[in-house]
PDB file of N, CA and C in Angstrom:
ATOM      1  N   MET A   1     -51.239  21.474 -22.618  1.00  0.00           N
ATOM      2  CA  MET A   1     -49.973  20.837 -22.358  1.00  0.00           C
ATOM      3  C   MET A   1     -49.732  19.769 -23.411  1.00  0.00           C
ATOM      4  N   SER A   2     -48.558  19.755 -23.986  1.00  0.00           N
ATOM      5  CA  SER A   2     -48.206  18.798 -25.025  1.00  0.00           C
ATOM      6  C   SER A   2     -47.242  17.762 -24.474  1.00  0.00           C
ATOM      7  N   ARG A   3     -47.523  16.478 -24.758  1.00  0.00           N
ATOM      8  CA  ARG A   3     -46.640  15.398 -24.322  1.00  0.00           C
ATOM      9  C   ARG A   3     -46.212  14.598 -25.536  1.00  0.00           C
ATOM     10  N   LYS A   4     -44.969  14.131 -25.527  1.00  0.00           N
ATOM     11  CA  LYS A   4     -44.492  13.265 -26.588  1.00  0.00           C
ATOM     12  C   LYS A   4     -44.479  11.834 -26.081  1.00  0.00           C
ATOM     13  N   TYR A   5     -44.863  10.920 -26.946  1.00  0.00           N
ATOM     14  CA  TYR A   5     -44.890   9.505 -26.610  1.00  0.00           C
ATOM     15  C   TYR A   5     -43.932   8.757 -27.523  1.00  0.00           C
ATOM     16  N   SER A   6     -43.176   7.822 -26.980  1.00  0.00           N
ATOM     17  CA  SER A   6     -42.275   7.029 -27.807  1.00  0.00           C
ATOM     18  C   SER A   6     -43.005   5.822 -28.395  1.00  0.00           C
ATOM     19  N   HIS A   7     -44.090   5.408 -27.787  1.00  0.00           N
ATOM     20  CA  HIS A   7     -44.883   4.301 -28.285  1.00  0.00           C
ATOM     21  C   HIS A   7     -46.365   4.658 -28.167  1.00  0.00           C
ATOM     22  N   VAL A   8     -47.148   4.201 -29.126  1.00  0.00           N
ATOM     23  CA  VAL A   8     -48.589   4.439 -29.100  1.00  0.00           C
ATOM     24  C   VAL A   8     -49.296   3.107 -29.313  1.00  0.00           C
ATOM     25  N   ILE A   9     -50.254   2.831 -28.472  1.00  0.00           N
ATOM     26  CA  ILE A   9     -51.097   1.648 -28.623  1.00  0.00           C
ATOM     27  C   ILE A   9     -52.523   2.146 -28.785  1.00  0.00           C
ATOM     28  N   VAL A  10     -53.160   1.707 -29.843  1.00  0.00           N
ATOM     29  CA  VAL A  10     -54.555   2.071 -30.072  1.00  0.00           C
ATOM     30  C   VAL A  10     -55.406   0.856 -29.731  1.00  0.00           C
ATOM     31  N   ILE A  11     -56.319   1.052 -28.800  1.00  0.00           N
ATOM     32  CA  ILE A  11     -57.239  -0.011 -28.404  1.00  0.00           C
ATOM     33  C   ILE A  11     -58.617   0.394 -28.909  1.00  0.00           C
ATOM     34  N   GLY A  12     -59.149  -0.393 -29.800  1.00  0.00           N
ATOM     35  CA  GLY A  12     -60.484  -0.126 -30.326  1.00  0.00           C
ATOM     36  C   GLY A  12     -61.387  -1.303 -30.029  1.00  0.00           C
ATOM     37  N   VAL A  13     -62.527  -1.042 -29.423  1.00  0.00           N
ATOM     38  CA  VAL A  13     -63.475  -2.101 -29.093  1.00  0.00           C
ATOM     39  C   VAL A  13     -64.806  -1.727 -29.727  1.00  0.00           C
ATOM     40  N   ASP A  14     -65.253  -2.558 -30.618  1.00  0.00           N
ATOM     41  CA  ASP A  14     -66.484  -2.283 -31.346  1.00  0.00           C
ATOM     42  C   ASP A  14     -67.699  -2.487 -30.449  1.00  0.00           C
ATOM     43  N   GLY A  15     -68.529  -1.453 -30.370  1.00  0.00           N
ATOM     44  CA  GLY A  15     -69.782  -1.561 -29.639  1.00  0.00           C
ATOM     45  C   GLY A  15     -69.695  -1.394 -28.135  1.00  0.00           C
ATOM     46  N   ALA A  16     -68.559  -0.952 -27.617  1.00  0.00           N
ATOM     47  CA  ALA A  16     -68.407  -0.845 -26.163  1.00  0.00           C
ATOM     48  C   ALA A  16     -69.098   0.385 -25.592  1.00  0.00           C
ATOM     49  N   GLY A  17     -69.214   1.445 -26.378  1.00  0.00           N
ATOM     50  CA  GLY A  17     -69.822   2.663 -25.860  1.00  0.00           C
ATOM     51  C   GLY A  17     -69.077   3.130 -24.619  1.00  0.00           C
ATOM     52  N   ALA A  18     -69.801   3.466 -23.572  1.00  0.00           N
ATOM     53  CA  ALA A  18     -69.182   3.922 -22.325  1.00  0.00           C
ATOM     54  C   ALA A  18     -68.959   2.760 -21.359  1.00  0.00           C
ATOM     55  N   TRP A  19     -68.963   1.539 -21.855  1.00  0.00           N
ATOM     56  CA  TRP A  19     -68.808   0.365 -21.002  1.00  0.00           C
ATOM     57  C   TRP A  19     -67.536   0.449 -20.170  1.00  0.00           C
ATOM     58  N   PHE A  20     -66.414   0.859 -20.764  1.00  0.00           N
ATOM     59  CA  PHE A  20     -65.155   0.943 -20.024  1.00  0.00           C
ATOM     60  C   PHE A  20     -65.242   1.958 -18.886  1.00  0.00           C
ATOM     61  N   ARG A  21     -65.982   3.019 -19.074  1.00  0.00           N
ATOM     62  CA  ARG A  21     -66.134   4.020 -18.012  1.00  0.00           C
ATOM     63  C   ARG A  21     -66.992   3.483 -16.885  1.00  0.00           C
ATOM     64  N   ASP A  22     -68.024   2.717 -17.216  1.00  0.00           N
ATOM     65  CA  ASP A  22     -69.004   2.274 -16.226  1.00  0.00           C
ATOM     66  C   ASP A  22     -68.674   0.927 -15.588  1.00  0.00           C
ATOM     67  N   ALA A  23     -67.876   0.102 -16.240  1.00  0.00           N
ATOM     68  CA  ALA A  23     -67.570  -1.240 -15.726  1.00  0.00           C
ATOM     69  C   ALA A  23     -66.333  -1.205 -14.829  1.00  0.00           C
ATOM     70  N   ASP A  24     -66.160  -2.250 -14.068  1.00  0.00           N
ATOM     71  CA  ASP A  24     -64.991  -2.385 -13.205  1.00  0.00           C
ATOM     72  C   ASP A  24     -63.839  -2.953 -14.036  1.00  0.00           C
ATOM     73  N   THR A  25     -62.975  -2.060 -14.514  1.00  0.00           N
ATOM     74  CA  THR A  25     -61.858  -2.453 -15.386  1.00  0.00           C
ATOM     75  C   THR A  25     -60.562  -1.817 -14.861  1.00  0.00           C
ATOM     76  N   PRO A  26     -60.025  -2.310 -13.755  1.00  0.00           N
ATOM     77  CA  PRO A  26     -58.868  -1.661 -13.141  1.00  0.00           C
ATOM     78  C   PRO A  26     -57.648  -1.571 -14.062  1.00  0.00           C
ATOM     79  N   SER A  27     -57.396  -2.574 -14.878  1.00  0.00           N
ATOM     80  CA  SER A  27     -56.229  -2.511 -15.774  1.00  0.00           C
ATOM     81  C   SER A  27     -56.402  -1.423 -16.830  1.00  0.00           C
ATOM     82  N   PHE A  28     -57.580  -1.387 -17.456  1.00  0.00           N
ATOM     83  CA  PHE A  28     -57.837  -0.321 -18.422  1.00  0.00           C
ATOM     84  C   PHE A  28     -57.860   1.044 -17.744  1.00  0.00           C
ATOM     85  N   ASP A  29     -58.406   1.115 -16.537  1.00  0.00           N
ATOM     86  CA  ASP A  29     -58.440   2.388 -15.809  1.00  0.00           C
ATOM     87  C   ASP A  29     -57.032   2.940 -15.611  1.00  0.00           C
ATOM     88  N   ARG A  30     -56.065   2.070 -15.288  1.00  0.00           N
ATOM     89  CA  ARG A  30     -54.666   2.510 -15.123  1.00  0.00           C
ATOM     90  C   ARG A  30     -54.086   3.007 -16.447  1.00  0.00           C
ATOM     91  N   ILE A  31     -54.375   2.292 -17.528  1.00  0.00           N
ATOM     92  CA  ILE A  31     -53.895   2.726 -18.850  1.00  0.00           C
ATOM     93  C   ILE A  31     -54.495   4.079 -19.199  1.00  0.00           C
ATOM     94  N   PHE A  32     -55.801   4.220 -19.016  1.00  0.00           N
ATOM     95  CA  PHE A  32     -56.480   5.464 -19.366  1.00  0.00           C
ATOM     96  C   PHE A  32     -56.023   6.637 -18.507  1.00  0.00           C
ATOM     97  N   ALA A  33     -55.665   6.373 -17.254  1.00  0.00           N
ATOM     98  CA  ALA A  33     -55.252   7.451 -16.348  1.00  0.00           C
ATOM     99  C   ALA A  33     -53.964   8.127 -16.801  1.00  0.00           C
ATOM    100  N   SER A  34     -53.097   7.381 -17.478  1.00  0.00           N
ATOM    101  CA  SER A  34     -51.822   7.985 -17.898  1.00  0.00           C
ATOM    102  C   SER A  34     -51.733   8.166 -19.410  1.00  0.00           C
ATOM    103  N   GLY A  35     -52.843   8.011 -20.111  1.00  0.00           N
ATOM    104  CA  GLY A  35     -52.832   8.160 -21.564  1.00  0.00           C
ATOM    105  C   GLY A  35     -53.959   9.062 -22.022  1.00  0.00           C
ATOM    106  N   ALA A  36     -54.468   8.767 -23.172  1.00  0.00           N
ATOM    107  CA  ALA A  36     -55.566   9.554 -23.739  1.00  0.00           C
ATOM    108  C   ALA A  36     -56.770   8.640 -23.906  1.00  0.00           C
ATOM    109  N   VAL A  37     -57.933   9.146 -23.551  1.00  0.00           N
ATOM    110  CA  VAL A  37     -59.158   8.370 -23.683  1.00  0.00           C
ATOM    111  C   VAL A  37     -60.321   9.325 -23.925  1.00  0.00           C
ATOM    112  N   THR A  38     -61.305   8.863 -24.666  1.00  0.00           N
ATOM    113  CA  THR A  38     -62.538   9.625 -24.823  1.00  0.00           C
ATOM    114  C   THR A  38     -63.711   8.663 -24.851  1.00  0.00           C
ATOM    115  N   TYR A  39     -64.811   9.102 -24.327  1.00  0.00           N
ATOM    116  CA  TYR A  39     -66.035   8.317 -24.365  1.00  0.00           C
ATOM    117  C   TYR A  39     -67.075   8.989 -25.254  1.00  0.00           C
ATOM    118  N   ASN A  40     -66.690  10.070 -25.903  1.00  0.00           N
ATOM    119  CA  ASN A  40     -67.633  10.846 -26.696  1.00  0.00           C
ATOM    120  C   ASN A  40     -67.281  10.912 -28.176  1.00  0.00           C
ATOM    121  N   ALA A  41     -66.236  10.216 -28.609  1.00  0.00           N
ATOM    122  CA  ALA A  41     -65.813  10.282 -30.006  1.00  0.00           C
ATOM    123  C   ALA A  41     -66.830   9.581 -30.904  1.00  0.00           C
ATOM    124  N   LEU A  42     -67.014  10.135 -32.069  1.00  0.00           N
ATOM    125  CA  LEU A  42     -67.870   9.532 -33.081  1.00  0.00           C
ATOM    126  C   LEU A  42     -67.116   9.641 -34.393  1.00  0.00           C
ATOM    127  N   SER A  43     -66.694   8.503 -34.938  1.00  0.00           N
ATOM    128  CA  SER A  43     -65.859   8.536 -36.137  1.00  0.00           C
ATOM    129  C   SER A  43     -66.661   8.868 -37.382  1.00  0.00           C
ATOM    130  N   SER A  44     -67.891   8.423 -37.444  1.00  0.00           N
ATOM    131  CA  SER A  44     -68.736   8.742 -38.596  1.00  0.00           C
ATOM    132  C   SER A  44     -70.166   8.325 -38.307  1.00  0.00           C
ATOM    133  N   LYS A  45     -71.036   8.764 -39.159  1.00  0.00           N
ATOM    134  CA  LYS A  45     -72.437   8.345 -39.116  1.00  0.00           C
ATOM    135  C   LYS A  45     -72.745   7.733 -40.459  1.00  0.00           C
ATOM    136  N   PRO A  46     -73.460   6.645 -40.528  1.00  0.00           N
ATOM    137  CA  PRO A  46     -74.098   5.939 -39.422  1.00  0.00           C
ATOM    138  C   PRO A  46     -73.069   5.183 -38.590  1.00  0.00           C
ATOM    139  N   THR A  47     -73.433   4.846 -37.373  1.00  0.00           N
ATOM    140  CA  THR A  47     -72.518   4.120 -36.496  1.00  0.00           C
ATOM    141  C   THR A  47     -72.614   2.626 -36.788  1.00  0.00           C
ATOM    142  N   ILE A  48     -72.089   2.258 -37.938  1.00  0.00           N
ATOM    143  CA  ILE A  48     -72.040   0.875 -38.396  1.00  0.00           C
ATOM    144  C   ILE A  48     -70.570   0.490 -38.474  1.00  0.00           C
ATOM    145  N   SER A  49     -70.247  -0.717 -38.054  1.00  0.00           N
ATOM    146  CA  SER A  49     -68.846  -1.134 -37.887  1.00  0.00           C
ATOM    147  C   SER A  49     -67.932  -0.771 -39.046  1.00  0.00           C
ATOM    148  N   ALA A  50     -68.203  -1.250 -40.242  1.00  0.00           N
ATOM    149  CA  ALA A  50     -67.287  -1.010 -41.370  1.00  0.00           C
ATOM    150  C   ALA A  50     -67.143   0.471 -41.674  1.00  0.00           C
ATOM    151  N   GLU A  51     -68.237   1.195 -41.627  1.00  0.00           N
ATOM    152  CA  GLU A  51     -68.185   2.623 -41.908  1.00  0.00           C
ATOM    153  C   GLU A  51     -67.322   3.359 -40.880  1.00  0.00           C
ATOM    154  N   CYS A  52     -67.506   3.023 -39.604  1.00  0.00           N
ATOM    155  CA  CYS A  52     -66.756   3.702 -38.540  1.00  0.00           C
ATOM    156  C   CYS A  52     -65.283   3.306 -38.517  1.00  0.00           C
ATOM    157  N   TRP A  53     -64.985   1.995 -38.556  1.00  0.00           N
ATOM    158  CA  TRP A  53     -63.583   1.559 -38.548  1.00  0.00           C
ATOM    159  C   TRP A  53     -62.866   2.088 -39.779  1.00  0.00           C
ATOM    160  N   GLY A  54     -63.529   2.033 -40.925  1.00  0.00           N
ATOM    161  CA  GLY A  54     -62.924   2.574 -42.146  1.00  0.00           C
ATOM    162  C   GLY A  54     -62.590   4.048 -42.001  1.00  0.00           C
ATOM    163  N   SER A  55     -63.493   4.818 -41.446  1.00  0.00           N
ATOM    164  CA  SER A  55     -63.251   6.253 -41.266  1.00  0.00           C
ATOM    165  C   SER A  55     -62.082   6.519 -40.323  1.00  0.00           C
ATOM    166  N   MET A  56     -61.988   5.743 -39.235  1.00  0.00           N
ATOM    167  CA  MET A  56     -60.881   5.932 -38.289  1.00  0.00           C
ATOM    168  C   MET A  56     -59.541   5.554 -38.898  1.00  0.00           C
ATOM    169  N   LEU A  57     -59.499   4.453 -39.641  1.00  0.00           N
ATOM    170  CA  LEU A  57     -58.229   3.938 -40.140  1.00  0.00           C
ATOM    171  C   LEU A  57     -57.793   4.546 -41.466  1.00  0.00           C
ATOM    172  N   ILE A  58     -58.752   5.121 -42.200  1.00  0.00           N
ATOM    173  CA  ILE A  58     -58.431   5.698 -43.502  1.00  0.00           C
ATOM    174  C   ILE A  58     -58.399   7.224 -43.437  1.00  0.00           C
ATOM    175  N   GLY A  59     -59.218   7.798 -42.575  1.00  0.00           N
ATOM    176  CA  GLY A  59     -59.201   9.256 -42.414  1.00  0.00           C
ATOM    177  C   GLY A  59     -60.154  10.001 -43.328  1.00  0.00           C
ATOM    178  N   VAL A  60     -61.074   9.293 -43.952  1.00  0.00           N
ATOM    179  CA  VAL A  60     -62.118   9.924 -44.764  1.00  0.00           C
ATOM    180  C   VAL A  60     -63.449   9.283 -44.392  1.00  0.00           C
ATOM    181  N   GLY A  61     -64.541   9.940 -44.722  1.00  0.00           N
ATOM    182  CA  GLY A  61     -65.856   9.439 -44.359  1.00  0.00           C
ATOM    183  C   GLY A  61     -66.343   8.305 -45.246  1.00  0.00           C
ATOM    184  N   PRO A  62     -67.428   7.648 -44.831  1.00  0.00           N
ATOM    185  CA  PRO A  62     -67.985   6.524 -45.584  1.00  0.00           C
ATOM    186  C   PRO A  62     -68.378   6.894 -47.015  1.00  0.00           C
ATOM    187  N   GLU A  63     -68.761   8.148 -47.221  1.00  0.00           N
ATOM    188  CA  GLU A  63     -69.141   8.565 -48.566  1.00  0.00           C
ATOM    189  C   GLU A  63     -67.946   8.557 -49.514  1.00  0.00           C
ATOM    190  N   VAL A  64     -66.732   8.559 -48.945  1.00  0.00           N
ATOM    191  CA  VAL A  64     -65.510   8.523 -49.754  1.00  0.00           C
ATOM    192  C   VAL A  64     -64.930   7.108 -49.807  1.00  0.00           C
ATOM    193  N   HIS A  65     -64.760   6.449 -48.641  1.00  0.00           N
ATOM    194  CA  HIS A  65     -64.130   5.120 -48.661  1.00  0.00           C
ATOM    195  C   HIS A  65     -65.078   4.013 -49.114  1.00  0.00           C
ATOM    196  N   LYS A  66     -66.381   4.243 -49.055  1.00  0.00           N
ATOM    197  CA  LYS A  66     -67.395   3.321 -49.583  1.00  0.00           C
ATOM    198  C   LYS A  66     -67.431   1.952 -48.897  1.00  0.00           C
ATOM    199  N   LEU A  67     -66.871   1.831 -47.705  1.00  0.00           N
ATOM    200  CA  LEU A  67     -66.879   0.549 -47.021  1.00  0.00           C
ATOM    201  C   LEU A  67     -68.226   0.309 -46.345  1.00  0.00           C
ATOM    202  N   THR A  68     -68.710  -0.908 -46.451  1.00  0.00           N
ATOM    203  CA  THR A  68     -69.912  -1.361 -45.751  1.00  0.00           C
ATOM    204  C   THR A  68     -69.579  -2.716 -45.134  1.00  0.00           C
ATOM    205  N   ASN A  69     -70.393  -3.170 -44.191  1.00  0.00           N
ATOM    206  CA  ASN A  69     -70.149  -4.482 -43.583  1.00  0.00           C
ATOM    207  C   ASN A  69     -70.165  -5.584 -44.640  1.00  0.00           C
ATOM    208  N   LYS A  70     -71.087  -5.514 -45.583  1.00  0.00           N
ATOM    209  CA  LYS A  70     -71.164  -6.532 -46.634  1.00  0.00           C
ATOM    210  C   LYS A  70     -69.924  -6.479 -47.529  1.00  0.00           C
ATOM    211  N   ARG A  71     -69.515  -5.288 -47.902  1.00  0.00           N
ATOM    212  CA  ARG A  71     -68.381  -5.142 -48.814  1.00  0.00           C
ATOM    213  C   ARG A  71     -67.075  -5.655 -48.185  1.00  0.00           C
ATOM    214  N   VAL A  72     -66.811  -5.307 -46.928  1.00  0.00           N
ATOM    215  CA  VAL A  72     -65.542  -5.732 -46.316  1.00  0.00           C
ATOM    216  C   VAL A  72     -65.497  -7.231 -46.052  1.00  0.00           C
ATOM    217  N   SER A  73     -66.648  -7.884 -46.024  1.00  0.00           N
ATOM    218  CA  SER A  73     -66.647  -9.326 -45.811  1.00  0.00           C
ATOM    219  C   SER A  73     -66.254 -10.101 -47.071  1.00  0.00           C
ATOM    220  N   VAL A  74     -66.276  -9.464 -48.232  1.00  0.00           N
ATOM    221  CA  VAL A  74     -65.950 -10.176 -49.475  1.00  0.00           C
ATOM    222  C   VAL A  74     -64.805  -9.557 -50.273  1.00  0.00           C
ATOM    223  N   LEU A  75     -64.476  -8.293 -50.026  1.00  0.00           N
ATOM    224  CA  LEU A  75     -63.431  -7.617 -50.799  1.00  0.00           C
ATOM    225  C   LEU A  75     -62.382  -6.998 -49.875  1.00  0.00           C
ATOM    226  N   PRO A  76     -61.103  -7.259 -50.113  1.00  0.00           N
ATOM    227  CA  PRO A  76     -60.073  -6.571 -49.320  1.00  0.00           C
ATOM    228  C   PRO A  76     -59.980  -5.111 -49.745  1.00  0.00           C
ATOM    229  N   TYR A  77     -59.563  -4.270 -48.823  1.00  0.00           N
ATOM    230  CA  TYR A  77     -59.367  -2.861 -49.154  1.00  0.00           C
ATOM    231  C   TYR A  77     -58.127  -2.759 -50.046  1.00  0.00           C
ATOM    232  N   PRO A  78     -58.201  -2.021 -51.148  1.00  0.00           N
ATOM    233  CA  PRO A  78     -57.059  -1.964 -52.077  1.00  0.00           C
ATOM    234  C   PRO A  78     -55.813  -1.346 -51.441  1.00  0.00           C
ATOM    235  N   LEU A  79     -54.684  -2.020 -51.599  1.00  0.00           N
ATOM    236  CA  LEU A  79     -53.434  -1.534 -51.014  1.00  0.00           C
ATOM    237  C   LEU A  79     -52.987  -0.216 -51.628  1.00  0.00           C
ATOM    238  N   ARG A  80     -53.284   0.007 -52.870  1.00  0.00           N
ATOM    239  CA  ARG A  80     -52.869   1.233 -53.556  1.00  0.00           C
ATOM    240  C   ARG A  80     -54.060   2.167 -53.771  1.00  0.00           C
ATOM    241  N   SER A  81     -54.839   2.350 -52.744  1.00  0.00           N
ATOM    242  CA  SER A  81     -56.004   3.216 -52.812  1.00  0.00           C
ATOM    243  C   SER A  81     -55.588   4.682 -52.818  1.00  0.00           C
ATOM    244  N   LYS A  82     -56.431   5.506 -53.405  1.00  0.00           N
ATOM    245  CA  LYS A  82     -56.234   6.964 -53.342  1.00  0.00           C
ATOM    246  C   LYS A  82     -56.266   7.446 -51.889  1.00  0.00           C
ATOM    247  N   HIS A  83     -56.951   6.682 -51.049  1.00  0.00           N
ATOM    248  CA  HIS A  83     -57.073   6.995 -49.618  1.00  0.00           C
ATOM    249  C   HIS A  83     -56.497   5.821 -48.832  1.00  0.00           C
ATOM    250  N   PRO A  84     -55.182   5.788 -48.594  1.00  0.00           N
ATOM    251  CA  PRO A  84     -54.568   4.650 -47.899  1.00  0.00           C
ATOM    252  C   PRO A  84     -54.934   4.619 -46.416  1.00  0.00           C
ATOM    253  N   THR A  85     -54.852   3.433 -45.854  1.00  0.00           N
ATOM    254  CA  THR A  85     -55.083   3.284 -44.415  1.00  0.00           C
ATOM    255  C   THR A  85     -53.832   3.750 -43.668  1.00  0.00           C
ATOM    256  N   VAL A  86     -53.917   3.774 -42.350  1.00  0.00           N
ATOM    257  CA  VAL A  86     -52.753   4.151 -41.541  1.00  0.00           C
ATOM    258  C   VAL A  86     -51.670   3.088 -41.594  1.00  0.00           C
ATOM    259  N   PHE A  87     -52.002   1.855 -41.974  1.00  0.00           N
ATOM    260  CA  PHE A  87     -51.037   0.765 -41.890  1.00  0.00           C
ATOM    261  C   PHE A  87     -49.854   0.885 -42.856  1.00  0.00           C
ATOM    262  N   PRO A  88     -50.045   1.151 -44.145  1.00  0.00           N
ATOM    263  CA  PRO A  88     -48.854   1.317 -44.998  1.00  0.00           C
ATOM    264  C   PRO A  88     -47.980   2.488 -44.555  1.00  0.00           C
ATOM    265  N   LYS A  89     -48.581   3.519 -44.014  1.00  0.00           N
ATOM    266  CA  LYS A  89     -47.813   4.679 -43.554  1.00  0.00           C
ATOM    267  C   LYS A  89     -46.917   4.309 -42.379  1.00  0.00           C
ATOM    268  N   ARG A  90     -47.363   3.385 -41.539  1.00  0.00           N
ATOM    269  CA  ARG A  90     -46.603   2.999 -40.354  1.00  0.00           C
ATOM    270  C   ARG A  90     -45.683   1.806 -40.613  1.00  0.00           C
ATOM    271  N   LYS A  91     -45.869   1.128 -41.732  1.00  0.00           N
ATOM    272  CA  LYS A  91     -45.120  -0.098 -42.007  1.00  0.00           C
ATOM    273  C   LYS A  91     -43.615   0.126 -41.935  1.00  0.00           C
ATOM    274  N   ALA A  92     -43.145   1.260 -42.390  1.00  0.00           N
ATOM    275  CA  ALA A  92     -41.708   1.545 -42.374  1.00  0.00           C
ATOM    276  C   ALA A  92     -41.145   1.490 -40.962  1.00  0.00           C
ATOM    277  N   PHE A  93     -41.960   1.773 -39.964  1.00  0.00           N
ATOM    278  CA  PHE A  93     -41.481   1.757 -38.575  1.00  0.00           C
ATOM    279  C   PHE A  93     -41.511   0.355 -37.978  1.00  0.00           C
ATOM    280  N   TRP A  94     -42.275  -0.544 -38.577  1.00  0.00           N
ATOM    281  CA  TRP A  94     -42.386  -1.903 -38.048  1.00  0.00           C
ATOM    282  C   TRP A  94     -41.300  -2.813 -38.553  1.00  0.00           C
ATOM    283  N   LEU A  95     -40.808  -2.547 -39.755  1.00  0.00           N
ATOM    284  CA  LEU A  95     -39.863  -3.465 -40.377  1.00  0.00           C
ATOM    285  C   LEU A  95     -38.417  -3.102 -40.020  1.00  0.00           C
ATOM    286  N   PRO A  96     -37.586  -4.100 -39.728  1.00  0.00           N
ATOM    287  CA  PRO A  96     -36.168  -3.805 -39.462  1.00  0.00           C
ATOM    288  C   PRO A  96     -35.493  -3.305 -40.731  1.00  0.00           C
ATOM    289  N   ARG A  97     -34.518  -2.449 -40.567  1.00  0.00           N
ATOM    290  CA  ARG A  97     -33.801  -1.900 -41.733  1.00  0.00           C
ATOM    291  C   ARG A  97     -32.498  -2.606 -41.933  1.00  0.00           C
TER     292      ARG A  97
END
């Protein structure tokens, strides 16, 4: 079954694992009941913050985006990268015309 959404909110929590499934979170439970949720997704290996967030937001693996926790703490991701993040692609929808 295919559903169309007029708005999308992405909630990402680093290191939560299945905590949301196992903890008492009635507000999140209501959101998850009418949206999309997974407790088994793995964005990349190794499961290190910069590598995983980079893979989710850029759409390529760590071997391509080259992000590490040390690197992201000192260097911004290039705005004109060969592999852009999802943010410039969505920027046109955020700004008034």
